[in-house]
Protein backbone atom coordinates (compact mmCIF):
# COMPACT_ATOMS: atom_id res chain seq x y z
CA MET A 1 -15.07 64.21 -28.86
CA ARG A 2 -11.66 62.59 -28.57
CA GLU A 3 -9.49 62.23 -25.64
CA GLY A 4 -6.61 64.04 -27.46
CA ASP A 5 -9.07 67.00 -28.59
CA LYS A 6 -10.46 67.21 -25.15
CA LYS A 7 -7.14 67.95 -23.47
CA GLN A 8 -6.16 70.25 -26.31
CA HIS A 9 -9.05 72.28 -25.84
CA SER A 10 -8.68 72.49 -21.70
CA THR A 11 -5.43 74.08 -22.56
CA ILE A 12 -6.77 76.58 -24.68
CA ALA A 13 -9.21 77.58 -21.96
CA ALA A 14 -6.72 77.79 -19.83
CA GLU A 15 -4.30 79.64 -21.82
CA ILE A 16 -7.51 82.24 -22.46
CA ALA A 17 -8.53 82.29 -18.72
CA ALA A 18 -5.04 83.05 -18.12
CA PHE A 19 -5.29 85.99 -20.26
CA ALA A 20 -8.12 87.45 -18.90
CA VAL A 21 -7.18 87.19 -15.58
CA SER A 22 -3.91 88.69 -15.70
CA ALA A 23 -5.28 91.18 -17.79
CA LEU A 24 -8.11 92.02 -15.50
CA VAL A 25 -5.56 91.91 -12.33
CA LEU A 26 -2.80 94.25 -13.77
CA ALA A 27 -5.34 96.63 -15.07
CA ALA A 28 -7.15 96.78 -11.63
CA ALA A 29 -3.96 97.50 -9.80
CA LEU A 30 -3.31 100.61 -11.74
CA ILE A 31 -7.14 101.72 -11.05
CA ILE A 32 -6.44 101.14 -7.17
CA VAL A 33 -3.13 103.41 -7.15
CA ALA A 34 -4.65 106.26 -8.91
CA LEU A 35 -6.76 106.36 -5.68
CA ILE A 36 -4.26 107.45 -3.76
CA PRO A 37 -4.34 110.75 -3.26
CA GLN A 38 -2.09 113.16 -4.56
CA GLU A 39 -1.21 114.89 -1.62
CA SER A 40 0.23 112.00 0.25
CA ILE A 41 2.83 111.56 -2.43
CA TYR A 42 4.00 115.13 -2.62
CA ASP A 43 6.27 115.24 -0.52
CA ASN A 44 8.55 112.18 -2.23
CA MET A 45 7.51 113.59 -5.85
CA ARG A 46 8.89 116.86 -4.93
CA SER A 47 11.71 115.88 -3.93
CA SER A 48 12.16 113.20 -6.70
CA ALA A 49 11.67 116.24 -9.01
CA GLU A 50 14.23 118.35 -7.96
CA TYR A 51 16.90 115.26 -7.74
CA LEU A 52 16.06 114.49 -11.43
CA CYS A 53 16.53 118.59 -12.00
CA GLU A 54 20.26 118.09 -10.97
CA GLY A 55 21.11 116.31 -13.94
CA GLU A 56 20.74 115.83 -17.58
CA GLN A 57 17.88 114.05 -18.87
CA PHE A 58 20.45 111.01 -20.46
CA ILE A 59 23.94 110.54 -18.30
CA ASP A 60 26.17 108.22 -19.20
CA ALA A 61 27.08 106.16 -15.67
CA VAL A 62 30.70 105.88 -17.82
CA GLU A 63 31.66 108.50 -19.56
CA GLY A 64 31.62 108.04 -23.54
CA ILE A 65 30.00 104.50 -22.63
CA ASN A 66 26.51 104.96 -24.87
CA GLY A 67 25.82 101.25 -23.20
CA SER A 68 25.83 102.71 -19.50
CA CYS A 69 23.53 105.95 -20.73
CA ILE A 70 20.86 106.01 -18.08
CA ASP A 71 17.54 107.37 -19.12
CA ARG A 72 16.31 109.95 -16.95
CA TYR A 73 13.93 111.58 -19.66
CA ALA A 74 11.56 108.73 -19.75
CA ASP A 75 11.92 108.49 -15.95
CA SER A 76 10.45 112.09 -15.56
CA ILE A 77 7.40 111.46 -17.66
CA LEU A 78 6.61 108.20 -16.03
CA LEU A 79 6.62 110.08 -12.77
CA GLY A 80 4.63 112.94 -14.41
CA ILE A 81 2.26 110.64 -15.46
CA ALA A 82 1.95 108.67 -11.71
CA TRP A 83 1.18 112.46 -10.47
CA GLN A 84 -1.67 113.34 -12.43
CA TYR A 85 -3.66 110.58 -11.87
CA ASP A 86 -6.54 111.62 -10.57
CA LYS A 87 -8.77 109.92 -7.76
CA SER A 88 -11.81 111.50 -8.80
CA HIS A 89 -11.42 110.25 -11.68
CA PRO A 90 -9.48 106.81 -11.83
CA PHE A 91 -10.63 105.17 -15.16
CA ILE A 92 -10.24 108.05 -17.44
CA SER A 93 -6.70 109.24 -15.60
CA VAL A 94 -5.21 105.78 -16.29
CA MET A 95 -6.37 105.48 -19.32
CA ARG A 96 -5.24 108.55 -20.51
CA SER A 97 -2.28 108.36 -19.08
CA ALA A 98 -1.41 112.41 -19.37
CA PHE A 99 1.36 114.59 -17.96
CA TYR A 100 2.43 118.19 -18.52
CA SER A 101 4.82 119.14 -20.70
CA THR A 102 6.08 122.12 -22.95
CA PRO A 103 9.27 122.43 -25.20
CA LEU A 104 10.39 125.52 -23.39
CA LYS A 105 12.23 123.00 -20.77
CA ASN A 106 13.22 119.70 -20.59
CA GLU A 107 11.21 116.77 -19.35
CA ASN A 108 12.77 116.90 -15.72
CA TYR A 109 11.80 120.79 -15.44
CA ASN A 110 8.36 119.62 -16.64
CA LEU A 111 7.99 117.25 -13.78
CA TYR A 112 8.79 119.91 -11.30
CA ASP A 113 6.50 122.71 -12.56
CA ALA A 114 4.07 120.01 -12.42
CA VAL A 115 4.44 119.33 -8.71
CA ALA A 116 5.59 122.46 -7.50
CA GLY A 117 3.48 124.72 -9.48
CA GLY A 118 0.36 122.63 -9.80
CA MET A 119 0.63 122.78 -13.61
CA GLY A 120 -2.04 120.18 -14.93
CA ALA A 121 -1.98 118.12 -17.93
CA ASN A 122 -1.30 119.06 -21.51
CA GLU A 123 0.16 115.91 -23.13
CA GLN A 124 -1.15 112.14 -23.30
CA TYR A 125 0.71 108.86 -23.38
CA ILE A 126 -2.28 106.62 -24.45
CA ARG A 127 -0.48 103.91 -26.11
CA TYR A 128 1.08 102.31 -23.11
CA TRP A 129 -0.58 100.96 -20.27
CA HIS A 130 2.42 102.32 -17.83
CA GLY A 131 1.72 99.77 -15.80
CA SER A 132 5.08 99.97 -13.64
CA ILE A 133 3.08 103.12 -12.06
CA ALA A 134 0.99 100.36 -10.12
CA VAL A 135 4.22 100.03 -8.41
CA VAL A 136 6.13 103.42 -8.63
CA ARG A 137 2.81 105.04 -6.90
CA PRO A 138 2.54 103.02 -3.84
CA LEU A 139 6.42 103.35 -3.45
CA LEU A 140 6.04 107.10 -3.24
CA LEU A 141 4.15 107.31 -0.49
CA PHE A 142 7.62 106.18 1.27
CA PHE A 143 10.56 106.87 -0.96
CA ASP A 144 11.68 109.05 -3.32
CA ILE A 145 13.34 108.39 -6.71
CA ARG A 146 16.49 107.83 -5.59
CA GLU A 147 15.33 105.40 -2.96
CA ILE A 148 13.46 103.37 -5.11
CA TYR A 149 16.29 102.97 -7.59
CA ILE A 150 18.16 101.55 -4.20
CA PHE A 151 14.92 99.54 -3.63
CA ASN A 152 14.97 98.18 -7.40
CA SER A 153 18.19 97.42 -7.19
CA VAL A 154 17.88 95.07 -3.76
CA VAL A 155 14.89 93.65 -5.59
CA LEU A 156 16.89 92.65 -8.46
CA ALA A 157 19.93 91.47 -6.58
CA GLY A 158 17.22 89.12 -4.80
CA LEU A 159 15.96 87.80 -8.42
CA MET A 160 19.47 86.80 -9.46
CA ILE A 161 21.02 85.58 -6.22
CA ALA A 162 17.62 83.30 -6.14
CA PHE A 163 18.65 81.98 -9.68
CA VAL A 164 22.25 81.42 -8.92
CA ILE A 165 20.95 79.54 -5.67
CA ILE A 166 18.64 77.49 -7.73
CA MET A 167 21.17 76.61 -10.85
CA ILE A 168 23.93 75.90 -8.09
CA ARG A 169 21.50 73.55 -6.29
CA ASP A 170 20.37 71.32 -9.39
CA ARG A 171 24.10 71.56 -10.80
CA ALA A 172 22.66 73.89 -13.77
CA TYR A 173 26.34 75.20 -14.01
CA ALA A 174 26.32 75.71 -17.92
CA ALA A 175 22.51 77.39 -17.95
CA LEU A 176 24.00 79.40 -14.81
CA ALA A 177 27.53 80.66 -16.77
CA ALA A 178 25.63 81.73 -19.70
CA MET A 179 22.85 83.64 -17.82
CA LEU A 180 25.95 85.51 -15.74
CA CYS A 181 27.73 86.12 -19.36
CA GLY A 182 24.39 87.69 -20.80
CA LEU A 183 24.64 89.74 -17.66
CA LEU A 184 27.50 90.92 -17.96
CA PHE A 185 28.05 91.41 -22.14
CA THR A 186 24.80 93.60 -21.49
CA GLN A 187 25.98 95.63 -18.63
CA ALA A 188 22.83 95.05 -16.35
CA VAL A 189 24.72 96.48 -13.64
CA PHE A 190 23.38 99.97 -15.18
CA VAL A 191 19.74 98.36 -15.35
CA PRO A 192 18.18 99.76 -11.32
CA LEU A 193 19.84 102.96 -12.43
CA SER A 194 16.51 104.24 -14.66
CA LEU A 195 13.06 102.84 -14.06
CA GLU A 196 12.56 102.35 -17.87
CA TYR A 197 15.01 99.50 -17.79
CA THR A 198 13.79 97.41 -14.67
CA TRP A 199 10.89 96.19 -15.36
CA THR A 200 11.77 93.97 -17.97
CA PHE A 201 14.60 92.37 -16.32
CA MET A 202 12.93 91.90 -13.05
CA LEU A 203 9.97 89.92 -15.46
CA MET A 204 12.85 88.56 -16.84
CA PHE A 205 13.88 86.94 -13.84
CA ILE A 206 11.13 85.96 -12.88
CA PHE A 207 9.57 83.89 -15.61
CA SER A 208 13.10 82.14 -16.18
CA ILE A 209 12.91 80.74 -12.65
CA SER A 210 9.49 80.16 -13.22
CA ALA A 211 10.11 78.36 -16.58
CA TYR A 212 12.84 76.63 -15.56
CA LYS A 213 11.24 74.85 -12.35
CA LEU A 214 8.12 74.29 -14.63
CA ALA A 215 10.41 71.96 -17.15
CA ARG A 216 12.37 70.22 -14.04
CA ALA A 217 9.19 69.18 -13.00
CA GLY A 218 7.69 68.08 -16.28
CA LYS A 219 4.66 70.37 -16.30
CA ARG A 220 4.43 71.10 -20.24
CA LYS A 221 1.17 71.59 -20.19
CA SER A 222 1.60 74.81 -17.91
CA TYR A 223 4.24 76.07 -20.36
CA GLY A 224 1.47 77.99 -22.59
CA CYS A 225 0.09 79.31 -19.43
CA LEU A 226 3.30 80.56 -18.10
CA PHE A 227 4.20 82.71 -21.96
CA VAL A 228 0.82 84.07 -21.73
CA ILE A 229 1.13 85.46 -18.69
CA SER A 230 4.54 86.41 -19.54
CA GLY A 231 3.27 88.51 -22.68
CA VAL A 232 0.52 89.90 -20.75
CA SER A 233 2.74 91.46 -18.23
CA THR A 234 5.60 93.04 -20.43
CA ALA A 235 2.99 94.69 -22.43
CA TYR A 236 2.08 96.41 -19.12
CA PHE A 237 5.04 97.21 -17.61
CA ASP A 238 7.33 98.01 -20.48
CA PHE A 239 8.09 101.32 -22.01
CA LEU A 240 9.46 99.35 -25.19
CA THR A 241 12.73 98.95 -24.05
CA THR A 242 13.67 94.76 -24.15
CA GLU A 243 10.59 93.35 -23.66
CA THR A 244 11.91 90.25 -26.03
CA ILE A 245 14.25 88.98 -23.13
CA CYS A 246 10.62 88.21 -21.44
CA LEU A 247 10.18 85.44 -23.93
CA SER A 248 13.68 84.31 -25.16
CA VAL A 249 15.68 83.83 -22.13
CA PRO A 250 12.58 81.67 -20.18
CA LEU A 251 12.51 79.57 -23.26
CA LEU A 252 16.16 78.96 -24.17
CA LEU A 253 15.85 77.52 -20.31
CA ILE A 254 13.19 75.15 -20.87
CA LEU A 255 14.71 74.28 -24.10
CA TRP A 256 17.90 73.42 -22.39
CA VAL A 257 16.16 71.19 -19.82
CA GLU A 258 13.95 69.91 -22.28
CA GLY A 259 16.65 68.93 -24.65
CA LYS A 260 18.20 66.51 -22.51
CA GLY A 261 14.86 64.32 -23.22
CA ALA A 262 12.78 65.39 -25.70
CA ASP A 263 13.14 64.62 -29.44
CA LYS A 264 13.46 67.70 -31.74
CA LYS A 265 9.85 67.90 -33.24
CA GLU A 266 8.79 68.33 -29.59
CA LEU A 267 11.29 70.73 -28.96
CA TRP A 268 10.34 72.89 -32.17
CA ARG A 269 6.57 72.55 -30.98
CA ILE A 270 7.45 73.81 -27.18
CA ALA A 271 9.21 76.72 -28.99
CA ILE A 272 6.35 77.54 -31.58
CA LYS A 273 4.07 77.49 -29.03
CA ALA A 274 6.05 79.48 -26.39
CA VAL A 275 6.15 82.42 -29.28
CA LEU A 276 2.59 82.21 -30.20
CA CYS A 277 1.28 82.30 -27.28
CA TRP A 278 3.74 84.86 -26.03
CA GLY A 279 3.19 87.33 -29.05
CA ALA A 280 -0.62 86.95 -28.89
CA SER A 281 -0.84 88.02 -25.58
CA PHE A 282 2.00 90.69 -25.76
CA ALA A 283 -0.02 92.21 -28.86
CA GLY A 284 -3.52 91.70 -27.10
CA MET A 285 -2.70 93.37 -24.18
CA TRP A 286 -1.63 96.23 -26.08
CA SER A 287 -4.72 96.48 -27.90
CA LEU A 288 -6.92 96.07 -24.82
CA LYS A 289 -5.23 99.47 -24.13
CA TRP A 290 -6.24 100.91 -26.99
CA GLY A 291 -9.93 99.32 -27.02
CA LEU A 292 -10.45 100.70 -23.64
CA ALA A 293 -9.10 104.02 -23.81
CA SER A 294 -11.24 104.39 -26.78
CA LEU A 295 -14.35 103.29 -24.64
CA ILE A 296 -13.46 104.81 -21.71
CA LEU A 297 -12.28 108.45 -23.44
CA LYS A 298 -15.11 108.21 -25.78
CA GLU A 299 -12.56 109.07 -28.54
CA ASN A 300 -10.90 106.70 -31.45
CA VAL A 301 -7.30 106.79 -30.37
CA MET A 302 -6.10 104.92 -32.86
CA PRO A 303 -5.08 107.56 -35.13
CA TYR A 304 -2.87 108.66 -32.67
CA VAL A 305 -1.67 105.09 -31.78
CA THR A 306 -0.79 104.38 -35.53
CA GLY A 307 1.19 107.61 -36.43
CA HIS A 308 3.38 106.39 -33.09
CA VAL A 309 3.60 102.68 -34.60
CA GLN A 310 4.53 103.75 -38.25
CA GLU A 311 7.31 106.30 -36.79
CA ARG A 312 8.74 103.52 -34.64
CA LEU A 313 8.66 101.27 -37.85
CA GLY A 314 10.69 104.01 -39.91
CA GLY A 315 10.55 107.62 -39.28
CA GLU A 316 12.79 109.96 -41.72
CA ILE A 317 16.53 110.29 -40.51
CA GLY A 318 17.88 111.18 -44.00
CA LEU A 319 19.59 107.27 -44.18
CA SER A 320 18.98 104.85 -47.54
CA THR A 321 17.28 102.12 -46.57
CA GLY A 322 19.68 99.94 -46.73
CA SER A 323 21.83 102.06 -44.21
CA TYR A 324 19.27 102.48 -41.78
CA LEU A 325 18.55 99.23 -41.19
CA SER A 326 22.29 98.20 -41.18
CA SER A 327 22.73 101.07 -38.84
CA ALA A 328 19.97 99.97 -36.70
CA VAL A 329 21.74 96.87 -36.26
CA ILE A 330 25.35 97.80 -35.91
CA ARG A 331 24.71 100.32 -33.41
CA ASN A 332 22.95 97.62 -30.77
CA VAL A 333 25.90 95.48 -31.35
CA LEU A 334 28.68 97.65 -30.56
CA CYS A 335 27.17 98.54 -27.20
CA LEU A 336 27.93 94.72 -25.99
CA PHE A 337 30.44 95.14 -23.46
CA PRO A 338 33.73 95.25 -23.88
CA ALA A 339 33.28 96.65 -27.40
CA GLU A 340 32.90 100.39 -26.02
CA TYR A 341 35.56 100.77 -23.67
CA GLY A 342 38.37 102.26 -25.71
CA ASN A 343 40.71 100.07 -28.31
CA ALA A 344 41.38 97.64 -25.24
CA GLY A 345 37.93 97.02 -25.36
CA ILE A 346 37.78 96.24 -29.11
CA ILE A 347 40.54 94.16 -28.67
CA ALA A 348 39.06 92.10 -26.03
CA ALA A 349 35.91 91.99 -28.36
CA ILE A 350 37.93 90.87 -31.45
CA MET A 351 40.01 88.28 -29.47
CA LEU A 352 37.03 86.89 -28.03
CA VAL A 353 34.86 86.33 -30.64
CA LEU A 354 38.21 84.60 -32.41
CA GLY A 355 38.37 82.79 -29.60
CA ILE A 356 34.83 81.22 -29.49
CA CYS A 357 35.20 80.40 -32.96
CA TYR A 358 38.40 78.87 -32.17
CA VAL A 359 36.91 76.63 -29.43
CA LEU A 360 33.73 75.61 -31.88
CA TYR A 361 36.44 74.89 -34.50
CA VAL A 362 39.46 72.75 -32.58
CA TYR A 363 37.20 71.22 -29.97
CA ARG A 364 34.27 70.31 -32.10
CA LYS A 365 32.38 66.79 -31.31
CA ASP A 366 32.70 64.27 -33.95
CA THR A 367 28.84 64.06 -33.87
CA VAL A 368 26.35 67.40 -32.69
CA ASN A 369 22.99 67.82 -32.27
CA LYS A 370 22.16 70.33 -35.06
CA ASP A 371 18.16 70.28 -34.59
CA LYS A 372 19.44 71.75 -31.35
CA ILE A 373 22.04 74.46 -32.21
CA LEU A 374 19.07 75.16 -35.55
CA LEU A 375 16.58 76.41 -32.44
CA TYR A 376 18.94 77.97 -30.08
CA GLY A 377 20.50 79.74 -33.56
CA ALA A 378 16.97 80.64 -34.09
CA ILE A 379 16.39 82.17 -30.48
CA ALA A 380 19.34 84.00 -30.86
CA LEU A 381 18.10 85.99 -33.98
CA VAL A 382 15.11 87.45 -31.90
CA PRO A 383 16.66 90.62 -30.98
CA TYR A 384 18.09 91.37 -34.81
CA ILE A 385 14.45 90.38 -35.97
CA ARG A 386 13.29 93.06 -33.65
CA TYR A 387 15.82 95.53 -34.31
CA LEU A 388 14.98 95.18 -38.25
CA VAL A 389 11.12 95.45 -38.06
CA LEU A 390 11.51 98.57 -35.08
CA HIS A 391 14.31 100.40 -36.97
CA ASN A 392 13.81 103.59 -36.41
CA HIS A 393 13.04 102.83 -32.73
CA ALA A 394 16.40 100.55 -32.22
CA TYR A 395 18.43 103.13 -34.07
CA LEU A 396 17.40 105.61 -31.72
CA HIS A 397 17.20 104.05 -28.61
CA TYR A 398 20.20 101.34 -29.23
CA PHE A 399 22.02 102.53 -25.90
CA PHE A 400 19.20 100.51 -23.94
CA THR A 401 17.63 98.18 -26.42
CA TYR A 402 20.75 96.61 -27.07
CA ARG A 403 20.41 94.48 -23.53
CA ALA A 404 17.89 92.51 -25.78
CA GLN A 405 20.92 90.25 -27.07
CA MET A 406 21.17 89.06 -23.51
CA CYS A 407 19.48 85.76 -25.24
CA MET A 408 21.93 85.50 -28.15
CA ILE A 409 24.73 85.48 -25.57
CA ILE A 410 23.02 82.51 -23.38
CA ALA A 411 22.26 80.77 -26.89
CA VAL A 412 26.25 80.66 -27.77
CA GLY A 413 26.80 79.65 -24.34
CA PHE A 414 24.13 76.81 -25.55
CA ILE A 415 25.47 76.29 -28.92
CA MET A 416 29.14 75.72 -27.16
CA GLN A 417 28.16 72.94 -25.01
CA GLU A 418 26.42 71.22 -27.67
CA THR A 419 29.28 71.56 -29.75
CA VAL A 420 32.50 71.09 -28.02
CA ASP A 421 33.94 68.46 -26.14
CA ILE A 422 35.46 70.74 -23.62
CA PRO A 423 33.93 69.32 -19.97
CA PHE A 424 31.67 72.20 -18.71
CA PRO A 425 31.16 71.98 -15.09
CA GLY A 426 28.53 69.57 -14.38
CA SER A 427 28.83 67.60 -17.93
CA LYS A 428 29.90 64.29 -18.95
CA HIS A 429 31.70 65.31 -22.21
CA LYS A 430 35.18 64.07 -22.10
CA LYS A 431 38.18 65.81 -23.53
CA LYS A 432 39.36 64.59 -26.93
CA GLN A 433 42.88 62.77 -26.90
CA PHE A 434 45.20 64.10 -29.42
């Protein structure tokens, strides 16, 4: 066997091992937290249920702004599943992911009835891992839901500060500016107010920092394992919200670092491999849940799973196919800051787009790296492909899926750096003389 083939096989083996180990560790974490006695979390769970019953299932943090909508419906279901974990049957309860629900009340009150009224589970949510319970259930030993929101805010702030410090230390100002713009325009300030929104942003920061450091260290062989672990973790934690940012944002940072030296073929190879590793591990982790559920519960869960998948791909809402697809995209785009903030917001959004177009035209370089621009542009399209494929989900849940466009904003920033002669901080470009 040639030396090159040996290295390739070794890399593939490492990626397979990364999938197996990360999947095993994460699955085991859920089994372990299922052993926590229900009575140990009763006080904080009841306090959480009472707090959630004080408000509606969906709350606009800023009145009339869809992009600020906080989803307490999903949080109530998550807590309901965490409450119903049974230490006597940890494997079954983790696989079934059951909770109490009745159409007579909303999920906030259903949670309260389950905790305070002792109502048993009568619904299941098999298709997701609900991996965040591995974090939430132990936290409920010490905190109620309000305090967990604060805890998550501190963790997210800490990750953002760590990212900022690293970027400033390395004088990576263009990357830092692009990331901060991405957070601003996707209104990330509202993310920690809902458990559902939080996990992908935490993962995005963790894997972005890791990706940037690996790229700076020249450890290309580690990219595959990084995106395998990212795909596994995203499928495990996410409730189908902004899952693609755990792929797109770290990948953009790698390409931004690598773009200073690697040729176009190498950049495309890195990007394609990252997408394949992340996509395969993401899909594999989901499939693993369905396979384990069928095995442990001794029933075929696929009819239930495929039914919901088909619904996400295109449930019937009374629109033509063209209107359905376009509306799924438009509803997400219009949630970007500041478009929803009245007439002033619309004007500001239009002026911003026109300003970017002006800068790209007037200050364009005489020669540009079209391959890098094409690559950034391809990654910028990821959320829109996602909206079109899962158009029912994107249409109905636009008030949080719109944040997947963060990668588009970062990509636009990187394209501007490649295209214009305006000297970005830390760049060596000189302004044109007219």
